[in-house]
Amino acid sequence: MSSIRFHCDLLEKLGVSNFSRSNDRFKNIYMFCQYSAISFFVACHAWSTFTRATRYLPEFFQAFFEDLVTSFIVFFQIVYINYHSRQMMELASLMETEFCTSNNKVVRKYEARSKNMMVLICLTVTLALAGTYCQTIFPLSSDEIEIRTNVYRTKHPDRIPLSNIKIPFIDETESWYYEVIMVYQFYLAFYYTFGFTVVVTLIPNIIFFMKGQYTILCQHLERLGTQLRDSNGQRFVYRCLETDDIEYLPSVKKCQGICQPNMGQICLNCLKENRRIERKCEQLYFRQILLLHQKLMKLQQKVQILFAPIVLPLVLCNNAAFSICLYQLTDRNTNLSNARLFKFLIEFLTVALQYFFLNNCSEMMDDCNTMVCRSIALGR
């Protein structure tokens, strides 16, 4: 089953989190440099947005959209996750050690969904960055150059960085400054690709995990009250659902003597003994199912406590980003170049996918509760 351990490891390798609580000096310096580089970019980009991009409304919306994505959807979520790194590791450990992995079909199904979601998000982010890069190499029209001259007031308005930033006391379009800024932004773009993928898919991956566990729970609920048998017809009982630890039961006991007129008929004492074994097996099976459900409730509570503070701001930012993308694509007063139109389309697709996965989490949890009620009704 998909775990968030991969997300934690990737953030640690990117140098923005320290889940291992290591005191390694080199690692601390690496994290400081990473946060300094990202914080500097966020500050310079926000300064450019509210001091220069406000001179032209479509440019302001694009810059404000980039602020939403880079500042909150990525950077502030990474800071929040790093601040709660201990709870994140407890959550990862709980998902890896306390839950059922015996149903390989269900496990593979939801692992595949998690991987496909991550690949899809990473692909759209990469395409959006490719569209941004195309803007920097394709020549601008005379109208776009005039707009950039009036908005940014730089010496070389035809030179476009990956993202517009304002650095004090320099003109970012002049030689050497421009080249250094481009290298710096390419470096950040690489990290933002993986950082965005991690923070966007973190909550949906946890929900996928829980949906898989609820599916396994419902399968066991429907089998409650029936005789558990393997492919050879041998009866067994679960000792532990999480590890698929089972114990085979002896065959039905029969009397050695003649207890009734018909030989081989099970006597009353044997029936009582077998019934006692049946009841004990059912109690053990029910106890295992109950423990699995309690663990799911515990996991659900931990997830709710951990992510509740950022869900509402995240939804609001997604609403704003979605509205801005829609405005940019439907604004007929602005002539868009092919590269800029491609970039806007991919940005719209990326935000729409993120918005869908985030809202789909609540739908999946509602489905889980419905599945449990239906399985109880169908159980014997």
Protein backbone atom coordinates (compact mmCIF):
# COMPACT_ATOMS: atom_id res chain seq x y z
CA MET A 1 0.00 0.00 0.00
CA SER A 2 1.26 3.48 -0.88
CA SER A 3 2.92 5.24 2.04
CA ILE A 4 3.91 8.86 2.56
CA ARG A 5 7.44 7.71 3.35
CA PHE A 6 8.36 8.45 -0.27
CA HIS A 7 7.12 12.04 0.09
CA CYS A 8 9.14 12.51 3.27
CA ASP A 9 12.30 11.05 1.75
CA LEU A 10 12.00 13.21 -1.36
CA LEU A 11 11.51 16.41 0.64
CA GLU A 12 14.54 15.49 2.74
CA LYS A 13 16.68 14.92 -0.36
CA LEU A 14 15.56 18.28 -1.73
CA GLY A 15 16.94 19.85 1.43
CA VAL A 16 13.71 21.41 2.67
CA SER A 17 12.90 18.99 5.51
CA ASN A 18 14.75 17.06 8.19
CA PHE A 19 12.53 14.11 9.04
CA SER A 20 15.45 12.06 10.31
CA ARG A 21 16.25 14.77 12.90
CA SER A 22 19.88 14.63 11.87
CA ASN A 23 22.35 17.12 13.37
CA ASP A 24 24.75 16.76 10.48
CA ARG A 25 26.41 20.12 9.88
CA PHE A 26 26.55 19.78 6.11
CA LYS A 27 22.86 18.91 5.98
CA ASN A 28 21.93 21.91 8.12
CA ILE A 29 23.94 24.22 5.85
CA TYR A 30 22.30 22.65 2.80
CA MET A 31 18.82 23.25 4.27
CA PHE A 32 19.71 26.83 5.17
CA CYS A 33 20.88 27.53 1.61
CA GLN A 34 17.75 25.96 0.14
CA TYR A 35 15.39 27.97 2.34
CA SER A 36 17.39 31.14 1.71
CA ALA A 37 17.20 30.68 -2.07
CA ILE A 38 13.47 29.95 -2.01
CA SER A 39 12.66 32.74 0.47
CA PHE A 40 14.63 35.26 -1.60
CA PHE A 41 12.72 34.28 -4.73
CA VAL A 42 9.32 34.44 -2.99
CA ALA A 43 10.08 37.90 -1.57
CA CYS A 44 11.44 39.32 -4.84
CA HIS A 45 8.56 37.90 -6.84
CA ALA A 46 5.95 39.31 -4.45
CA TRP A 47 7.69 42.70 -4.54
CA SER A 48 7.58 42.69 -8.34
CA THR A 49 3.91 41.69 -8.30
CA PHE A 50 2.69 44.49 -6.04
CA THR A 51 5.01 47.28 -7.21
CA ARG A 52 5.20 46.74 -10.99
CA ALA A 53 2.66 44.20 -12.26
CA THR A 54 -0.22 46.28 -10.85
CA ARG A 55 0.27 48.69 -13.78
CA TYR A 56 -1.40 46.21 -16.15
CA LEU A 57 -4.25 44.00 -14.95
CA PRO A 58 -3.58 40.83 -17.04
CA GLU A 59 0.09 40.91 -16.02
CA PHE A 60 -0.89 41.38 -12.38
CA PHE A 61 -3.19 38.35 -12.49
CA GLN A 62 -0.43 36.20 -13.97
CA ALA A 63 2.09 37.38 -11.37
CA PHE A 64 -0.42 36.94 -8.54
CA PHE A 65 -1.15 33.41 -9.78
CA GLU A 66 2.57 32.60 -9.59
CA ASP A 67 2.64 34.01 -6.06
CA LEU A 68 -0.21 31.73 -5.04
CA VAL A 69 1.49 28.67 -6.50
CA THR A 70 5.04 29.34 -5.33
CA SER A 71 4.29 30.99 -2.00
CA PHE A 72 1.45 29.04 -0.46
CA ILE A 73 0.68 25.93 -2.49
CA VAL A 74 4.37 24.95 -2.45
CA PHE A 75 6.58 26.93 -0.08
CA PHE A 76 4.29 27.45 2.92
CA GLN A 77 3.08 23.85 2.76
CA ILE A 78 6.69 22.66 2.77
CA VAL A 79 7.39 24.86 5.80
CA TYR A 80 4.28 23.51 7.52
CA ILE A 81 5.25 19.90 6.79
CA ASN A 82 8.79 20.49 8.04
CA TYR A 83 7.46 22.12 11.22
CA HIS A 84 5.29 19.03 11.84
CA SER A 85 7.95 16.56 10.73
CA ARG A 86 7.59 14.45 13.88
CA GLN A 87 3.86 13.97 13.31
CA MET A 88 4.53 13.19 9.65
CA MET A 89 6.98 10.42 10.54
CA GLU A 90 4.55 9.00 13.11
CA LEU A 91 1.89 8.97 10.41
CA ALA A 92 4.23 7.24 7.93
CA SER A 93 5.22 4.64 10.54
CA LEU A 94 1.57 4.00 11.41
CA MET A 95 0.66 3.47 7.75
CA GLU A 96 3.55 1.06 7.19
CA THR A 97 3.33 -1.11 10.31
CA GLU A 98 -0.23 -1.11 11.62
CA PHE A 99 -2.34 -1.87 8.58
CA CYS A 100 -3.33 -4.78 6.40
CA THR A 101 -1.14 -5.65 3.41
CA SER A 102 -2.42 -9.19 2.89
CA ASN A 103 -4.82 -8.43 0.03
CA ASN A 104 -2.31 -7.98 -2.78
CA LYS A 105 -4.94 -7.15 -5.40
CA VAL A 106 -6.32 -4.21 -3.43
CA VAL A 107 -2.82 -3.09 -2.44
CA ARG A 108 -1.59 -3.02 -6.03
CA LYS A 109 -4.75 -1.26 -7.22
CA TYR A 110 -4.38 1.74 -4.92
CA GLU A 111 -0.60 1.85 -5.25
CA ALA A 112 -1.10 2.14 -9.02
CA ARG A 113 -3.60 4.97 -8.54
CA SER A 114 -1.19 6.87 -6.30
CA LYS A 115 1.70 6.45 -8.73
CA ASN A 116 -0.42 7.47 -11.72
CA MET A 117 -1.57 10.59 -9.91
CA MET A 118 2.01 11.61 -9.04
CA VAL A 119 3.22 10.99 -12.60
CA LEU A 120 0.32 13.01 -14.02
CA ILE A 121 0.92 15.99 -11.72
CA CYS A 122 4.68 15.90 -12.34
CA LEU A 123 4.09 15.77 -16.11
CA THR A 124 1.75 18.77 -16.13
CA VAL A 125 4.14 20.83 -13.98
CA THR A 126 7.01 19.95 -16.33
CA LEU A 127 4.94 20.99 -19.34
CA ALA A 128 4.01 24.27 -17.63
CA LEU A 129 7.70 25.00 -17.02
CA ALA A 130 8.43 24.07 -20.64
CA GLY A 131 5.83 26.62 -21.75
CA THR A 132 7.44 29.21 -19.48
CA TYR A 133 10.83 28.46 -21.02
CA CYS A 134 9.38 28.84 -24.53
CA GLN A 135 8.39 32.40 -23.62
CA THR A 136 12.02 33.25 -22.97
CA ILE A 137 13.34 32.03 -26.35
CA PHE A 138 10.58 32.99 -28.79
CA PRO A 139 10.63 36.63 -29.94
CA LEU A 140 7.95 38.92 -28.53
CA SER A 141 5.49 40.90 -30.59
CA SER A 142 5.69 44.68 -30.64
CA ASP A 143 2.57 44.91 -28.46
CA GLU A 144 4.04 42.64 -25.80
CA ILE A 145 7.31 44.58 -25.79
CA GLU A 146 5.39 47.83 -25.34
CA ILE A 147 3.41 46.35 -22.45
CA ARG A 148 6.55 45.09 -20.73
CA THR A 149 8.20 48.48 -21.24
CA ASN A 150 5.34 50.27 -19.51
CA VAL A 151 4.94 47.68 -16.75
CA TYR A 152 8.49 46.70 -15.80
CA ARG A 153 10.43 49.70 -17.19
CA THR A 154 13.64 47.78 -17.81
CA LYS A 155 16.33 48.51 -20.38
CA HIS A 156 15.72 45.30 -22.33
CA PRO A 157 11.98 44.50 -22.17
CA ASP A 158 12.41 41.76 -24.78
CA ARG A 159 14.42 39.72 -22.26
CA ILE A 160 12.02 37.62 -20.20
CA PRO A 161 13.16 35.53 -17.23
CA LEU A 162 11.31 32.39 -16.24
CA SER A 163 9.49 34.42 -13.61
CA ASN A 164 9.52 38.17 -13.11
CA ILE A 165 11.28 39.26 -9.94
CA LYS A 166 12.50 42.62 -8.67
CA ILE A 167 15.91 42.80 -7.02
CA PRO A 168 16.90 46.08 -5.35
CA PHE A 169 19.36 48.37 -7.15
CA ILE A 170 19.79 46.28 -10.31
CA ASP A 171 18.13 45.91 -13.69
CA GLU A 172 17.48 42.18 -14.05
CA THR A 173 17.48 42.38 -17.89
CA GLU A 174 21.07 43.61 -18.20
CA SER A 175 23.81 41.16 -19.11
CA TRP A 176 25.29 38.98 -16.38
CA TYR A 177 22.42 39.89 -14.10
CA TYR A 178 20.00 38.31 -16.57
CA GLU A 179 22.14 35.20 -17.10
CA VAL A 180 22.68 34.66 -13.38
CA ILE A 181 18.96 35.10 -12.68
CA MET A 182 18.10 32.57 -15.41
CA VAL A 183 20.46 29.97 -13.92
CA TYR A 184 19.07 30.68 -10.47
CA GLN A 185 15.48 30.28 -11.65
CA PHE A 186 16.25 27.09 -13.59
CA TYR A 187 17.69 25.69 -10.37
CA LEU A 188 14.54 26.62 -8.46
CA ALA A 189 12.31 25.28 -11.25
CA PHE A 190 13.87 21.85 -10.84
CA TYR A 191 13.11 21.86 -7.12
CA TYR A 192 9.64 23.32 -7.56
CA THR A 193 8.74 20.52 -9.97
CA PHE A 194 9.31 17.86 -7.33
CA GLY A 195 8.19 20.04 -4.41
CA PHE A 196 4.88 20.84 -6.10
CA THR A 197 4.32 17.17 -6.94
CA VAL A 198 4.98 16.12 -3.33
CA VAL A 199 2.77 18.67 -1.57
CA VAL A 200 -0.09 18.36 -4.06
CA THR A 201 -0.26 14.56 -3.91
CA LEU A 202 0.42 14.16 -0.17
CA ILE A 203 -3.16 14.35 1.11
CA PRO A 204 -4.70 12.42 -1.83
CA ASN A 205 -2.13 9.63 -1.36
CA ILE A 206 -3.11 9.27 2.29
CA ILE A 207 -6.77 9.12 1.28
CA PHE A 208 -5.97 6.50 -1.38
CA PHE A 209 -4.28 4.46 1.34
CA MET A 210 -7.29 4.75 3.62
CA LYS A 211 -9.67 3.87 0.76
CA GLY A 212 -7.68 0.69 0.16
CA GLN A 213 -7.80 -0.22 3.84
CA TYR A 214 -11.53 0.42 3.96
CA THR A 215 -11.95 -1.83 0.92
CA ILE A 216 -10.10 -4.64 2.72
CA LEU A 217 -12.14 -4.00 5.87
CA CYS A 218 -15.39 -4.26 3.91
CA GLN A 219 -14.30 -7.53 2.33
CA HIS A 220 -13.76 -9.01 5.79
CA LEU A 221 -17.05 -7.60 7.06
CA GLU A 222 -18.91 -9.38 4.28
CA ARG A 223 -17.18 -12.67 5.17
CA LEU A 224 -18.03 -12.37 8.85
CA GLY A 225 -20.23 -15.30 9.92
CA THR A 226 -19.03 -17.59 7.13
CA GLN A 227 -16.51 -20.40 7.24
CA LEU A 228 -13.11 -19.21 6.00
CA ARG A 229 -11.50 -21.68 3.61
CA ASP A 230 -8.43 -21.60 1.39
CA SER A 231 -8.25 -22.70 -2.26
CA ASN A 232 -7.98 -26.35 -1.13
CA GLY A 233 -11.09 -26.14 1.01
CA GLN A 234 -9.14 -26.25 4.28
CA ARG A 235 -10.70 -24.15 7.02
CA PHE A 236 -8.63 -21.49 8.76
CA VAL A 237 -8.92 -18.52 11.07
CA TYR A 238 -7.00 -15.23 11.05
CA ARG A 239 -4.55 -14.63 13.86
CA CYS A 240 -3.58 -11.24 12.44
CA LEU A 241 -5.21 -9.52 9.46
CA GLU A 242 -2.30 -7.11 8.94
CA THR A 243 0.29 -9.84 8.29
CA ASP A 244 -2.10 -12.46 6.86
CA ASP A 245 -1.14 -14.79 9.72
CA ILE A 246 -3.62 -17.69 9.70
CA GLU A 247 -4.15 -20.88 11.68
CA TYR A 248 -5.65 -23.96 10.07
CA LEU A 249 -8.43 -25.68 11.97
CA PRO A 250 -8.76 -29.45 12.47
CA SER A 251 -11.37 -31.32 10.52
CA VAL A 252 -14.84 -31.78 11.99
CA LYS A 253 -14.67 -34.32 14.78
CA LYS A 254 -16.66 -37.54 14.51
CA CYS A 255 -17.31 -40.19 17.07
CA GLN A 256 -15.20 -43.32 16.97
CA GLY A 257 -18.01 -45.41 18.36
CA ILE A 258 -21.66 -45.85 17.60
CA CYS A 259 -23.62 -43.05 19.23
CA GLN A 260 -26.70 -43.29 17.06
CA PRO A 261 -28.26 -45.95 14.88
CA ASN A 262 -26.37 -44.65 11.84
CA MET A 263 -22.61 -45.18 12.03
CA GLY A 264 -20.42 -42.16 11.51
CA GLN A 265 -23.04 -39.68 12.57
CA ILE A 266 -21.64 -36.84 14.66
CA CYS A 267 -22.72 -37.18 18.25
CA LEU A 268 -24.14 -34.41 20.37
CA ASN A 269 -20.87 -33.87 22.27
CA CYS A 270 -18.95 -33.49 19.01
CA LEU A 271 -21.52 -31.00 17.75
CA LYS A 272 -21.11 -28.93 20.92
CA GLU A 273 -17.32 -29.04 20.62
CA ASN A 274 -17.37 -28.00 16.98
CA ARG A 275 -19.84 -25.25 17.74
CA ARG A 276 -17.60 -23.98 20.51
CA ILE A 277 -14.68 -23.87 18.07
CA GLU A 278 -16.84 -22.08 15.50
CA ARG A 279 -17.86 -19.46 18.04
CA LYS A 280 -14.29 -18.93 19.17
CA CYS A 281 -13.16 -18.50 15.55
CA GLU A 282 -15.92 -15.98 14.87
CA GLN A 283 -15.03 -14.02 17.99
CA LEU A 284 -11.36 -13.95 17.01
CA TYR A 285 -12.21 -12.89 13.45
CA PHE A 286 -14.57 -10.17 14.69
CA ARG A 287 -11.90 -8.93 17.09
CA GLN A 288 -9.40 -8.63 14.23
CA ILE A 289 -11.92 -6.71 12.11
CA LEU A 290 -12.74 -4.42 15.02
CA LEU A 291 -9.04 -3.70 15.61
CA LEU A 292 -8.56 -2.82 11.94
CA HIS A 293 -11.49 -0.42 12.06
CA GLN A 294 -10.18 1.19 15.25
CA LYS A 295 -6.78 1.70 13.62
CA LEU A 296 -8.47 3.34 10.64
CA MET A 297 -10.34 5.67 12.99
CA LYS A 298 -7.06 6.52 14.72
CA LEU A 299 -5.35 7.22 11.38
CA GLN A 300 -8.26 9.33 10.22
CA GLN A 301 -8.12 11.38 13.41
CA LYS A 302 -4.36 11.95 13.09
CA VAL A 303 -4.76 13.06 9.47
CA GLN A 304 -7.56 15.42 10.40
CA ILE A 305 -5.59 17.00 13.25
CA LEU A 306 -2.43 17.35 11.16
CA PHE A 307 -3.90 18.86 8.00
CA ALA A 308 -7.00 20.70 9.25
CA PRO A 309 -5.16 24.06 9.69
CA ILE A 310 -4.07 24.21 6.03
CA VAL A 311 -7.05 22.70 4.21
CA LEU A 312 -9.22 25.84 4.16
CA PRO A 313 -6.39 28.19 3.02
CA LEU A 314 -5.40 25.58 0.43
CA VAL A 315 -8.94 25.41 -0.95
CA LEU A 316 -9.18 29.22 -1.08
CA CYS A 317 -5.85 29.48 -2.91
CA ASN A 318 -6.95 26.81 -5.37
CA ASN A 319 -10.20 28.68 -5.99
CA ALA A 320 -8.29 31.88 -6.64
CA ALA A 321 -5.73 30.16 -8.89
CA PHE A 322 -8.49 28.39 -10.85
CA SER A 323 -10.37 31.68 -11.35
CA ILE A 324 -7.23 33.49 -12.50
CA CYS A 325 -6.40 30.76 -15.03
CA LEU A 326 -9.95 30.86 -16.36
CA TYR A 327 -9.81 34.64 -16.67
CA GLN A 328 -6.53 34.53 -18.57
CA LEU A 329 -7.90 32.03 -21.08
CA THR A 330 -11.18 33.88 -21.65
CA ASP A 331 -9.90 37.48 -21.69
CA ARG A 332 -10.39 38.67 -25.28
CA ASN A 333 -8.74 42.04 -24.73
CA THR A 334 -5.28 40.48 -24.58
CA ASN A 335 -3.50 39.05 -27.61
CA LEU A 336 -1.70 35.91 -26.46
CA SER A 337 1.30 34.46 -28.24
CA ASN A 338 1.30 30.73 -28.93
CA ALA A 339 3.87 30.08 -26.20
CA ARG A 340 1.92 32.14 -23.66
CA LEU A 341 -1.36 30.45 -24.63
CA PHE A 342 0.24 27.00 -24.25
CA LYS A 343 1.57 27.99 -20.83
CA PHE A 344 -1.85 29.22 -19.68
CA LEU A 345 -3.55 26.03 -20.90
CA ILE A 346 -1.12 23.78 -19.03
CA GLU A 347 -1.36 25.93 -15.90
CA PHE A 348 -5.15 25.68 -16.07
CA LEU A 349 -4.92 21.90 -16.48
CA THR A 350 -2.50 21.59 -13.56
CA VAL A 351 -4.65 23.66 -11.22
CA ALA A 352 -7.80 21.82 -12.34
CA LEU A 353 -6.17 18.45 -11.63
CA GLN A 354 -4.98 19.57 -8.22
CA TYR A 355 -8.41 20.99 -7.44
CA PHE A 356 -10.07 17.74 -8.53
CA PHE A 357 -7.79 15.50 -6.45
CA LEU A 358 -8.20 17.70 -3.38
CA ASN A 359 -12.01 17.81 -3.58
CA ASN A 360 -12.17 14.12 -4.46
CA CYS A 361 -10.61 13.29 -1.08
CA SER A 362 -13.82 14.15 0.77
CA GLU A 363 -15.86 12.18 -1.76
CA MET A 364 -13.68 9.11 -1.24
CA MET A 365 -14.05 9.32 2.53
CA ASP A 366 -17.83 9.52 2.15
CA ASP A 367 -17.65 6.47 -0.10
CA CYS A 368 -15.71 4.63 2.60
CA ASN A 369 -18.47 5.19 5.16
CA THR A 370 -21.07 4.06 2.62
CA MET A 371 -19.03 0.94 1.84
CA VAL A 372 -18.85 -0.01 5.52
CA CYS A 373 -22.62 0.37 6.00
CA ARG A 374 -23.32 -1.66 2.86
CA SER A 375 -20.90 -4.42 3.87
CA ILE A 376 -22.50 -4.69 7.32
CA ALA A 377 -25.91 -5.01 5.67
CA LEU A 378 -24.63 -7.68 3.27
CA GLY A 379 -22.78 -9.63 5.95
CA ARG A 380 -24.16 -12.92 7.16
